[in-house]
Amino acid sequence: MAKVSPLMILPPAIFAGLAAAFYIGLQRDDPDQLPSALAGKEAPAVELSALGDLPGFDDATLRDGEVKLVNFWASWCAPCRVEHPNLEALAEDGLAVYGVNYKDAPDKALGFLEELGNPYAAVGADPQGRMALNWGLYGVPETYVIDGDGNIVLRFAGPVTQRVIENTLGPALAEARGE
């Protein structure tokens, strides 16, 4: 009987493992949506600098008993301009939206809000991207649904469009409210 070398078994085993990982990944509800390791966990610390004279927010704000959105944005981000009217509409409907200005020049960020309007209940700057790193940010825009206890219910990467509000954020907000 011939001996089987472990090196002969290794390539098929690696292939089988990769095939299983791809198969599992394709079975997700939305294979295009990036997964979040923080979903269902407490939101990481809020570490922000002031942005002009605008009101800021902190960790206690995220745990005030109210459902809210935390939106990472930048003035240099074209999709952030696209989503901005939708964030304003959500804020006008009574949803608290908190903004994190990501790696941006303060004067440009303030100009962006002056030009397009300010949908944020409070906003702060993350000039070095430290908070973004702790939150697992892939890029801007990115929006998190936070429940009243400060837990992340959903992370959505990409611009908040009307379709995203109806199909993704709406159900997550209802879940955060316990509906």
N, C-alpha and C. Protein backbone atom coordinates (compact mmCIF):
# COMPACT_ATOMS: atom_id res chain seq x y z
N MET A 1 0.84 -1.17 0.00
CA MET A 1 0.00 0.00 0.00
C MET A 1 0.89 1.25 0.00
N ALA A 2 0.57 2.23 -0.87
CA ALA A 2 1.39 3.44 -1.00
C ALA A 2 0.99 4.45 0.07
N LYS A 3 2.00 5.11 0.58
CA LYS A 3 1.75 6.15 1.56
C LYS A 3 1.29 7.43 0.85
N VAL A 4 0.30 8.13 1.46
CA VAL A 4 -0.18 9.38 0.90
C VAL A 4 0.52 10.52 1.63
N SER A 5 1.16 11.35 0.87
CA SER A 5 1.88 12.49 1.45
C SER A 5 0.88 13.57 1.87
N PRO A 6 1.10 14.19 3.03
CA PRO A 6 0.22 15.28 3.46
C PRO A 6 0.20 16.43 2.44
N LEU A 7 1.27 16.60 1.70
CA LEU A 7 1.31 17.66 0.70
C LEU A 7 0.34 17.38 -0.46
N MET A 8 -0.02 16.13 -0.67
CA MET A 8 -0.98 15.80 -1.72
C MET A 8 -2.41 16.11 -1.27
N ILE A 9 -2.66 16.08 0.01
CA ILE A 9 -4.00 16.34 0.54
C ILE A 9 -4.25 17.83 0.72
N LEU A 10 -3.20 18.60 0.94
CA LEU A 10 -3.32 20.02 1.23
C LEU A 10 -4.03 20.82 0.13
N PRO A 11 -3.67 20.75 -1.14
CA PRO A 11 -4.38 21.56 -2.16
C PRO A 11 -5.88 21.27 -2.24
N PRO A 12 -6.32 20.00 -2.26
CA PRO A 12 -7.78 19.79 -2.30
C PRO A 12 -8.48 20.29 -1.03
N ALA A 13 -7.82 20.19 0.12
CA ALA A 13 -8.41 20.67 1.37
C ALA A 13 -8.57 22.20 1.34
N ILE A 14 -7.56 22.91 0.83
CA ILE A 14 -7.63 24.37 0.72
C ILE A 14 -8.74 24.75 -0.24
N PHE A 15 -8.82 24.06 -1.37
CA PHE A 15 -9.87 24.34 -2.36
C PHE A 15 -11.25 24.13 -1.75
N ALA A 16 -11.44 23.05 -1.03
CA ALA A 16 -12.73 22.76 -0.40
C ALA A 16 -13.10 23.85 0.62
N GLY A 17 -12.11 24.30 1.39
CA GLY A 17 -12.37 25.36 2.36
C GLY A 17 -12.78 26.66 1.70
N LEU A 18 -12.08 27.05 0.62
CA LEU A 18 -12.43 28.27 -0.10
C LEU A 18 -13.81 28.15 -0.75
N ALA A 19 -14.09 27.00 -1.34
CA ALA A 19 -15.41 26.78 -1.96
C ALA A 19 -16.52 26.92 -0.92
N ALA A 20 -16.31 26.38 0.26
CA ALA A 20 -17.32 26.48 1.33
C ALA A 20 -17.50 27.94 1.76
N ALA A 21 -16.39 28.69 1.89
CA ALA A 21 -16.47 30.09 2.29
C ALA A 21 -17.23 30.91 1.24
N PHE A 22 -16.94 30.69 -0.04
CA PHE A 22 -17.65 31.40 -1.09
C PHE A 22 -19.13 31.06 -1.10
N TYR A 23 -19.44 29.80 -0.92
CA TYR A 23 -20.84 29.36 -0.91
C TYR A 23 -21.59 30.03 0.24
N ILE A 24 -21.01 30.04 1.42
CA ILE A 24 -21.65 30.67 2.59
C ILE A 24 -21.84 32.16 2.33
N GLY A 25 -20.84 32.80 1.75
CA GLY A 25 -20.93 34.23 1.45
C GLY A 25 -22.05 34.55 0.48
N LEU A 26 -22.26 33.68 -0.49
CA LEU A 26 -23.32 33.91 -1.48
C LEU A 26 -24.71 33.66 -0.92
N GLN A 27 -24.81 32.99 0.20
CA GLN A 27 -26.12 32.69 0.79
C GLN A 27 -26.64 33.80 1.69
N ARG A 28 -25.86 34.88 1.89
CA ARG A 28 -26.31 36.00 2.71
C ARG A 28 -27.53 36.65 2.08
N ASP A 29 -28.33 37.35 2.89
CA ASP A 29 -29.53 38.03 2.40
C ASP A 29 -29.19 39.02 1.30
N ASP A 30 -28.13 39.81 1.50
CA ASP A 30 -27.71 40.79 0.51
C ASP A 30 -26.21 40.62 0.29
N PRO A 31 -25.81 39.82 -0.71
CA PRO A 31 -24.39 39.57 -0.90
C PRO A 31 -23.59 40.81 -1.25
N ASP A 32 -24.25 41.89 -1.69
CA ASP A 32 -23.53 43.11 -2.02
C ASP A 32 -23.21 43.95 -0.78
N GLN A 33 -23.98 43.78 0.29
CA GLN A 33 -23.78 44.57 1.49
C GLN A 33 -22.59 44.04 2.29
N LEU A 34 -21.75 44.96 2.73
CA LEU A 34 -20.57 44.57 3.51
C LEU A 34 -21.00 44.14 4.90
N PRO A 35 -20.46 43.05 5.41
CA PRO A 35 -20.84 42.62 6.75
C PRO A 35 -20.23 43.54 7.82
N SER A 36 -20.82 43.54 8.99
CA SER A 36 -20.30 44.32 10.09
C SER A 36 -20.08 43.43 11.30
N ALA A 37 -18.87 43.44 11.79
CA ALA A 37 -18.56 42.66 12.99
C ALA A 37 -19.18 43.31 14.23
N LEU A 38 -19.62 44.56 14.10
CA LEU A 38 -20.16 45.29 15.25
C LEU A 38 -21.68 45.21 15.39
N ALA A 39 -22.36 44.67 14.39
CA ALA A 39 -23.82 44.59 14.48
C ALA A 39 -24.22 43.78 15.71
N GLY A 40 -25.14 44.34 16.50
CA GLY A 40 -25.58 43.69 17.72
C GLY A 40 -24.70 43.98 18.93
N LYS A 41 -23.64 44.74 18.71
CA LYS A 41 -22.73 45.07 19.82
C LYS A 41 -22.81 46.56 20.13
N GLU A 42 -22.26 46.91 21.28
CA GLU A 42 -22.23 48.31 21.70
C GLU A 42 -21.38 49.13 20.74
N ALA A 43 -21.88 50.31 20.40
CA ALA A 43 -21.13 51.20 19.52
C ALA A 43 -19.81 51.58 20.17
N PRO A 44 -18.73 51.61 19.40
CA PRO A 44 -17.44 52.03 19.96
C PRO A 44 -17.49 53.48 20.44
N ALA A 45 -16.46 53.87 21.13
CA ALA A 45 -16.39 55.21 21.72
C ALA A 45 -16.49 56.30 20.65
N VAL A 46 -17.11 57.40 21.05
CA VAL A 46 -17.19 58.59 20.20
C VAL A 46 -15.98 59.44 20.55
N GLU A 47 -15.12 59.67 19.56
CA GLU A 47 -13.90 60.47 19.75
C GLU A 47 -13.86 61.52 18.67
N LEU A 48 -14.45 62.68 18.95
CA LEU A 48 -14.59 63.71 17.93
C LEU A 48 -14.04 65.05 18.39
N SER A 49 -13.61 65.84 17.41
CA SER A 49 -13.24 67.23 17.64
C SER A 49 -14.44 68.10 17.26
N ALA A 50 -14.45 69.31 17.77
CA ALA A 50 -15.52 70.23 17.41
C ALA A 50 -15.41 70.60 15.93
N LEU A 51 -16.54 70.81 15.30
CA LEU A 51 -16.58 71.29 13.92
C LEU A 51 -17.22 72.66 13.95
N GLY A 52 -16.38 73.67 13.91
CA GLY A 52 -16.85 75.06 14.01
C GLY A 52 -17.59 75.27 15.32
N ASP A 53 -18.71 75.98 15.24
CA ASP A 53 -19.54 76.26 16.41
C ASP A 53 -20.71 75.30 16.52
N LEU A 54 -20.73 74.25 15.68
CA LEU A 54 -21.85 73.33 15.68
C LEU A 54 -21.87 72.48 16.94
N PRO A 55 -23.06 72.11 17.43
CA PRO A 55 -23.12 71.26 18.62
C PRO A 55 -22.51 69.89 18.32
N GLY A 56 -21.78 69.37 19.31
CA GLY A 56 -21.16 68.05 19.17
C GLY A 56 -21.95 67.00 19.94
N PHE A 57 -21.45 65.77 19.89
CA PHE A 57 -22.08 64.69 20.64
C PHE A 57 -21.01 63.77 21.19
N ASP A 58 -21.43 62.93 22.16
CA ASP A 58 -20.49 62.03 22.83
C ASP A 58 -21.13 60.66 23.05
N ASP A 59 -20.45 59.82 23.81
CA ASP A 59 -20.95 58.46 24.08
C ASP A 59 -22.33 58.48 24.74
N ALA A 60 -22.54 59.39 25.67
CA ALA A 60 -23.82 59.45 26.38
C ALA A 60 -24.97 59.72 25.41
N THR A 61 -24.72 60.48 24.36
CA THR A 61 -25.74 60.78 23.36
C THR A 61 -26.22 59.50 22.68
N LEU A 62 -25.30 58.58 22.44
CA LEU A 62 -25.66 57.33 21.76
C LEU A 62 -26.48 56.41 22.66
N ARG A 63 -26.46 56.66 23.94
CA ARG A 63 -27.13 55.78 24.90
C ARG A 63 -28.24 56.51 25.65
N ASP A 64 -28.91 57.44 24.96
CA ASP A 64 -29.92 58.29 25.62
C ASP A 64 -31.34 57.72 25.55
N GLY A 65 -31.47 56.48 25.09
CA GLY A 65 -32.79 55.86 25.02
C GLY A 65 -33.51 56.07 23.70
N GLU A 66 -32.95 56.87 22.82
CA GLU A 66 -33.59 57.17 21.53
C GLU A 66 -32.86 56.46 20.39
N VAL A 67 -33.63 56.04 19.40
CA VAL A 67 -33.06 55.45 18.18
C VAL A 67 -32.50 56.59 17.33
N LYS A 68 -31.36 56.34 16.69
CA LYS A 68 -30.72 57.39 15.92
C LYS A 68 -29.86 56.82 14.81
N LEU A 69 -29.40 57.68 13.93
CA LEU A 69 -28.42 57.32 12.90
C LEU A 69 -27.12 58.04 13.21
N VAL A 70 -26.01 57.38 12.93
CA VAL A 70 -24.70 58.01 12.92
C VAL A 70 -24.20 57.89 11.49
N ASN A 71 -23.94 59.05 10.89
CA ASN A 71 -23.57 59.11 9.48
C ASN A 71 -22.16 59.68 9.33
N PHE A 72 -21.27 58.89 8.71
CA PHE A 72 -19.91 59.35 8.39
C PHE A 72 -19.95 59.96 7.00
N TRP A 73 -19.41 61.17 6.85
CA TRP A 73 -19.48 61.91 5.59
C TRP A 73 -18.26 62.81 5.43
N ALA A 74 -18.10 63.36 4.23
CA ALA A 74 -17.02 64.31 3.95
C ALA A 74 -17.44 65.23 2.81
N SER A 75 -16.90 66.42 2.79
CA SER A 75 -17.25 67.38 1.73
C SER A 75 -16.70 66.94 0.38
N TRP A 76 -15.62 66.18 0.37
CA TRP A 76 -15.00 65.73 -0.87
C TRP A 76 -15.66 64.47 -1.43
N CYS A 77 -16.70 63.97 -0.77
CA CYS A 77 -17.35 62.70 -1.13
C CYS A 77 -18.59 62.98 -1.99
N ALA A 78 -18.52 62.61 -3.28
CA ALA A 78 -19.66 62.83 -4.18
C ALA A 78 -20.92 62.08 -3.73
N PRO A 79 -20.84 60.79 -3.33
CA PRO A 79 -22.06 60.11 -2.86
C PRO A 79 -22.68 60.76 -1.61
N CYS A 80 -21.86 61.47 -0.84
CA CYS A 80 -22.39 62.17 0.34
C CYS A 80 -23.35 63.29 -0.10
N ARG A 81 -23.05 63.91 -1.22
CA ARG A 81 -23.95 64.93 -1.77
C ARG A 81 -25.26 64.29 -2.22
N VAL A 82 -25.16 63.10 -2.80
CA VAL A 82 -26.34 62.39 -3.29
C VAL A 82 -27.28 62.03 -2.14
N GLU A 83 -26.72 61.56 -1.03
CA GLU A 83 -27.56 61.11 0.08
C GLU A 83 -28.09 62.25 0.95
N HIS A 84 -27.48 63.41 0.84
CA HIS A 84 -27.78 64.52 1.76
C HIS A 84 -29.26 64.89 1.84
N PRO A 85 -29.98 65.02 0.71
CA PRO A 85 -31.42 65.35 0.82
C PRO A 85 -32.21 64.27 1.56
N ASN A 86 -31.80 63.02 1.44
CA ASN A 86 -32.49 61.94 2.15
C ASN A 86 -32.24 62.01 3.65
N LEU A 87 -31.03 62.38 4.04
CA LEU A 87 -30.74 62.57 5.47
C LEU A 87 -31.56 63.73 6.02
N GLU A 88 -31.67 64.81 5.23
CA GLU A 88 -32.48 65.94 5.67
C GLU A 88 -33.94 65.54 5.84
N ALA A 89 -34.46 64.72 4.93
CA ALA A 89 -35.86 64.27 5.02
C ALA A 89 -36.05 63.40 6.27
N LEU A 90 -35.09 62.52 6.57
CA LEU A 90 -35.19 61.69 7.78
C LEU A 90 -35.19 62.57 9.03
N ALA A 91 -34.32 63.59 9.04
CA ALA A 91 -34.25 64.49 10.18
C ALA A 91 -35.56 65.28 10.33
N GLU A 92 -36.12 65.71 9.20
CA GLU A 92 -37.39 66.45 9.24
C GLU A 92 -38.53 65.57 9.75
N ASP A 93 -38.41 64.25 9.53
CA ASP A 93 -39.43 63.31 10.01
C ASP A 93 -39.23 62.97 11.49
N GLY A 94 -38.24 63.58 12.13
CA GLY A 94 -38.05 63.40 13.56
C GLY A 94 -36.97 62.41 13.97
N LEU A 95 -36.25 61.84 13.02
CA LEU A 95 -35.17 60.92 13.36
C LEU A 95 -33.90 61.72 13.64
N ALA A 96 -33.29 61.48 14.78
CA ALA A 96 -32.03 62.15 15.10
C ALA A 96 -30.91 61.55 14.27
N VAL A 97 -30.21 62.41 13.53
CA VAL A 97 -29.08 62.00 12.71
C VAL A 97 -27.86 62.73 13.24
N TYR A 98 -26.82 61.97 13.58
CA TYR A 98 -25.58 62.53 14.09
C TYR A 98 -24.50 62.35 13.04
N GLY A 99 -23.75 63.42 12.78
CA GLY A 99 -22.76 63.40 11.71
C GLY A 99 -21.34 63.30 12.22
N VAL A 100 -20.54 62.52 11.50
CA VAL A 100 -19.11 62.43 11.77
C VAL A 100 -18.40 62.84 10.48
N ASN A 101 -17.76 64.00 10.51
CA ASN A 101 -17.04 64.50 9.35
C ASN A 101 -15.67 63.81 9.31
N TYR A 102 -15.42 63.05 8.24
CA TYR A 102 -14.27 62.16 8.14
C TYR A 102 -13.14 62.76 7.32
N LYS A 103 -11.98 62.94 7.97
CA LYS A 103 -10.74 63.36 7.29
C LYS A 103 -10.98 64.50 6.31
N ASP A 104 -11.51 65.58 6.82
CA ASP A 104 -11.92 66.70 5.98
C ASP A 104 -11.34 68.00 6.53
N ALA A 105 -11.22 68.99 5.68
CA ALA A 105 -10.82 70.33 6.11
C ALA A 105 -12.06 70.99 6.74
N PRO A 106 -11.92 71.53 7.95
CA PRO A 106 -13.08 72.10 8.63
C PRO A 106 -13.83 73.15 7.81
N ASP A 107 -13.10 74.05 7.13
CA ASP A 107 -13.77 75.08 6.35
C ASP A 107 -14.58 74.49 5.19
N LYS A 108 -14.07 73.44 4.57
CA LYS A 108 -14.80 72.78 3.48
C LYS A 108 -16.03 72.04 4.02
N ALA A 109 -15.88 71.40 5.18
CA ALA A 109 -17.00 70.68 5.78
C ALA A 109 -18.12 71.65 6.15
N LEU A 110 -17.74 72.78 6.75
CA LEU A 110 -18.75 73.78 7.13
C LEU A 110 -19.39 74.39 5.88
N GLY A 111 -18.62 74.58 4.82
CA GLY A 111 -19.15 75.09 3.56
C GLY A 111 -20.15 74.12 2.94
N PHE A 112 -19.85 72.82 3.04
CA PHE A 112 -20.74 71.77 2.54
C PHE A 112 -22.10 71.87 3.24
N LEU A 113 -22.08 71.98 4.57
CA LEU A 113 -23.32 72.07 5.34
C LEU A 113 -24.06 73.38 5.09
N GLU A 114 -23.29 74.46 4.88
CA GLU A 114 -23.93 75.74 4.60
C GLU A 114 -24.62 75.70 3.23
N GLU A 115 -23.97 75.06 2.27
CA GLU A 115 -24.52 74.98 0.91
C GLU A 115 -25.74 74.05 0.83
N LEU A 116 -25.63 72.87 1.44
CA LEU A 116 -26.67 71.85 1.27
C LEU A 116 -27.67 71.78 2.42
N GLY A 117 -27.37 72.42 3.53
CA GLY A 117 -28.22 72.33 4.72
C GLY A 117 -27.59 71.36 5.72
N ASN A 118 -28.03 71.48 6.96
CA ASN A 118 -27.46 70.66 8.04
C ASN A 118 -28.53 69.75 8.62
N PRO A 119 -28.50 68.46 8.24
CA PRO A 119 -29.50 67.52 8.76
C PRO A 119 -29.15 66.97 10.14
N TYR A 120 -27.99 67.34 10.67
CA TYR A 120 -27.46 66.69 11.87
C TYR A 120 -27.93 67.38 13.15
N ALA A 121 -28.40 66.55 14.09
CA ALA A 121 -28.74 67.04 15.43
C ALA A 121 -27.48 67.53 16.12
N ALA A 122 -26.36 66.88 15.83
CA ALA A 122 -25.05 67.27 16.31
C ALA A 122 -24.03 66.66 15.36
N VAL A 123 -22.86 67.26 15.33
CA VAL A 123 -21.82 66.81 14.39
C VAL A 123 -20.45 67.06 14.99
N GLY A 124 -19.49 66.22 14.63
CA GLY A 124 -18.12 66.40 15.06
C GLY A 124 -17.18 65.98 13.96
N ALA A 125 -15.91 66.31 14.14
CA ALA A 125 -14.90 66.01 13.14
C ALA A 125 -14.01 64.86 13.61
N ASP A 126 -13.65 64.01 12.66
CA ASP A 126 -12.72 62.90 12.88
C ASP A 126 -11.54 63.11 11.93
N PRO A 127 -10.69 64.12 12.23
CA PRO A 127 -9.66 64.52 11.26
C PRO A 127 -8.62 63.45 10.94
N GLN A 128 -8.28 62.60 11.88
CA GLN A 128 -7.29 61.55 11.62
C GLN A 128 -7.95 60.20 11.29
N GLY A 129 -9.25 60.11 11.44
CA GLY A 129 -9.94 58.86 11.15
C GLY A 129 -9.84 57.81 12.23
N ARG A 130 -9.52 58.23 13.45
CA ARG A 130 -9.39 57.26 14.56
C ARG A 130 -10.74 56.65 14.93
N MET A 131 -11.77 57.49 15.03
CA MET A 131 -13.10 56.97 15.37
C MET A 131 -13.58 56.05 14.24
N ALA A 132 -13.37 56.46 13.02
CA ALA A 132 -13.78 55.65 11.87
C ALA A 132 -13.12 54.28 11.90
N LEU A 133 -11.86 54.24 12.25
CA LEU A 133 -11.14 52.97 12.34
C LEU A 133 -11.77 52.08 13.40
N ASN A 134 -12.09 52.64 14.55
CA ASN A 134 -12.71 51.87 15.63
C ASN A 134 -14.11 51.37 15.26
N TRP A 135 -14.78 52.10 14.41
CA TRP A 135 -16.13 51.71 13.99
C TRP A 135 -16.11 50.76 12.80
N GLY A 136 -14.94 50.50 12.23
CA GLY A 136 -14.83 49.57 11.11
C GLY A 136 -15.23 50.18 9.78
N LEU A 137 -15.04 51.48 9.65
CA LEU A 137 -15.44 52.20 8.45
C LEU A 137 -14.66 51.72 7.23
N TYR A 138 -15.36 51.46 6.13
CA TYR A 138 -14.72 51.11 4.86
C TYR A 138 -14.48 52.36 4.03
N GLY A 139 -15.36 53.33 4.14
CA GLY A 139 -15.28 54.56 3.37
C GLY A 139 -16.54 55.37 3.61
N VAL A 140 -16.59 56.57 3.04
CA VAL A 140 -17.76 57.42 3.22
C VAL A 140 -18.57 57.44 1.94
N PRO A 141 -19.88 57.59 2.02
CA PRO A 141 -20.67 57.67 3.24
C PRO A 141 -20.93 56.28 3.83
N GLU A 142 -21.11 56.28 5.11
CA GLU A 142 -21.46 55.06 5.83
C GLU A 142 -22.38 55.47 6.98
N THR A 143 -23.44 54.70 7.18
CA THR A 143 -24.47 55.06 8.16
C THR A 143 -24.76 53.89 9.08
N TYR A 144 -24.89 54.18 10.36
CA TYR A 144 -25.17 53.17 11.37
C TYR A 144 -26.50 53.48 12.03
N VAL A 145 -27.33 52.45 12.22
CA VAL A 145 -28.56 52.57 13.01
C VAL A 145 -28.19 52.16 14.43
N ILE A 146 -28.46 53.05 15.38
CA ILE A 146 -28.11 52.83 16.79
C ILE A 146 -29.39 52.78 17.61
N ASP A 147 -29.55 51.74 18.43
CA ASP A 147 -30.74 51.66 19.28
C ASP A 147 -30.56 52.55 20.51
N GLY A 148 -31.58 52.65 21.33
CA GLY A 148 -31.56 53.54 22.49
C GLY A 148 -30.52 53.19 23.53
N ASP A 149 -30.03 51.95 23.52
CA ASP A 149 -29.00 51.53 24.47
C ASP A 149 -27.58 51.75 23.93
N GLY A 150 -27.49 52.27 22.71
CA GLY A 150 -26.17 52.52 22.13
C GLY A 150 -25.59 51.33 21.39
N ASN A 151 -26.45 50.39 20.99
CA ASN A 151 -25.99 49.22 20.24
C ASN A 151 -26.19 49.43 18.74
N ILE A 152 -25.26 48.91 17.96
CA ILE A 152 -25.37 49.00 16.52
C ILE A 152 -26.34 47.93 16.03
N VAL A 153 -27.41 48.36 15.37
CA VAL A 153 -28.39 47.45 14.81
C VAL A 153 -28.02 47.13 13.36
N LEU A 154 -27.52 48.14 12.66
CA LEU A 154 -27.19 47.98 11.24
C LEU A 154 -26.08 48.93 10.85
N ARG A 155 -25.22 48.46 9.96
CA ARG A 155 -24.22 49.30 9.32
C ARG A 155 -24.51 49.27 7.83
N PHE A 156 -24.67 50.44 7.23
CA PHE A 156 -24.91 50.50 5.79
C PHE A 156 -23.80 51.30 5.14
N ALA A 157 -23.07 50.67 4.22
CA ALA A 157 -22.01 51.35 3.47
C ALA A 157 -22.57 51.81 2.14
N GLY A 158 -22.43 53.08 1.86
CA GLY A 158 -22.93 53.64 0.61
C GLY A 158 -23.93 54.74 0.88
N PRO A 159 -24.36 55.42 -0.19
CA PRO A 159 -25.29 56.54 0.00
C PRO A 159 -26.68 56.06 0.41
N VAL A 160 -27.30 56.82 1.28
CA VAL A 160 -28.67 56.55 1.73
C VAL A 160 -29.60 57.10 0.65
N THR A 161 -30.19 56.19 -0.11
CA THR A 161 -31.14 56.55 -1.15
C THR A 161 -32.55 56.24 -0.64
N GLN A 162 -33.55 56.60 -1.43
CA GLN A 162 -34.93 56.31 -1.05
C GLN A 162 -35.13 54.79 -0.94
N ARG A 163 -34.55 54.05 -1.86
CA ARG A 163 -34.67 52.59 -1.84
C ARG A 163 -34.00 52.01 -0.58
N VAL A 164 -32.86 52.55 -0.20
CA VAL A 164 -32.17 52.09 1.01
C VAL A 164 -33.02 52.39 2.24
N ILE A 165 -33.65 53.55 2.27
CA ILE A 165 -34.52 53.90 3.41
C ILE A 165 -35.66 52.89 3.51
N GLU A 166 -36.29 52.59 2.39
CA GLU A 166 -37.45 51.69 2.40
C GLU A 166 -37.06 50.24 2.69
N ASN A 167 -36.00 49.76 2.07
CA ASN A 167 -35.67 48.33 2.14
C ASN A 167 -34.67 47.95 3.22
N THR A 168 -33.84 48.88 3.66
CA THR A 168 -32.77 48.54 4.59
C THR A 168 -32.87 49.30 5.90
N LEU A 169 -32.85 50.63 5.82
CA LEU A 169 -32.89 51.43 7.05
C LEU A 169 -34.23 51.32 7.77
N GLY A 170 -35.33 51.35 7.01
CA GLY A 170 -36.65 51.27 7.61
C GLY A 170 -36.83 50.05 8.50
N PRO A 171 -36.55 48.84 7.99
CA PRO A 171 -36.67 47.65 8.84
C PRO A 171 -35.70 47.68 10.03
N ALA A 172 -34.50 48.20 9.83
CA ALA A 172 -33.54 48.28 10.94
C ALA A 172 -34.00 49.27 12.00
N LEU A 173 -34.58 50.38 11.57
CA LEU A 173 -35.10 51.36 12.53
C LEU A 173 -36.27 50.76 13.32
N ALA A 174 -37.14 50.02 12.63
CA ALA A 174 -38.26 49.37 13.32
C ALA A 174 -37.73 48.36 14.34
N GLU A 175 -36.70 47.60 13.96
CA GLU A 175 -36.10 46.64 14.90
C GLU A 175 -35.51 47.37 16.10
N ALA A 176 -34.82 48.48 15.84
CA ALA A 176 -34.20 49.26 16.93
C ALA A 176 -35.25 49.80 17.89
N ARG A 177 -36.43 50.12 17.35
CA ARG A 177 -37.51 50.64 18.19
C ARG A 177 -38.30 49.52 18.87
N GLY A 178 -37.99 48.28 18.53
CA GLY A 178 -38.69 47.14 19.12
C GLY A 178 -40.05 46.91 18.48
N GLU A 179 -40.24 47.34 17.27
CA GLU A 179 -41.53 47.19 16.58
C GLU A 179 -41.61 45.87 15.87
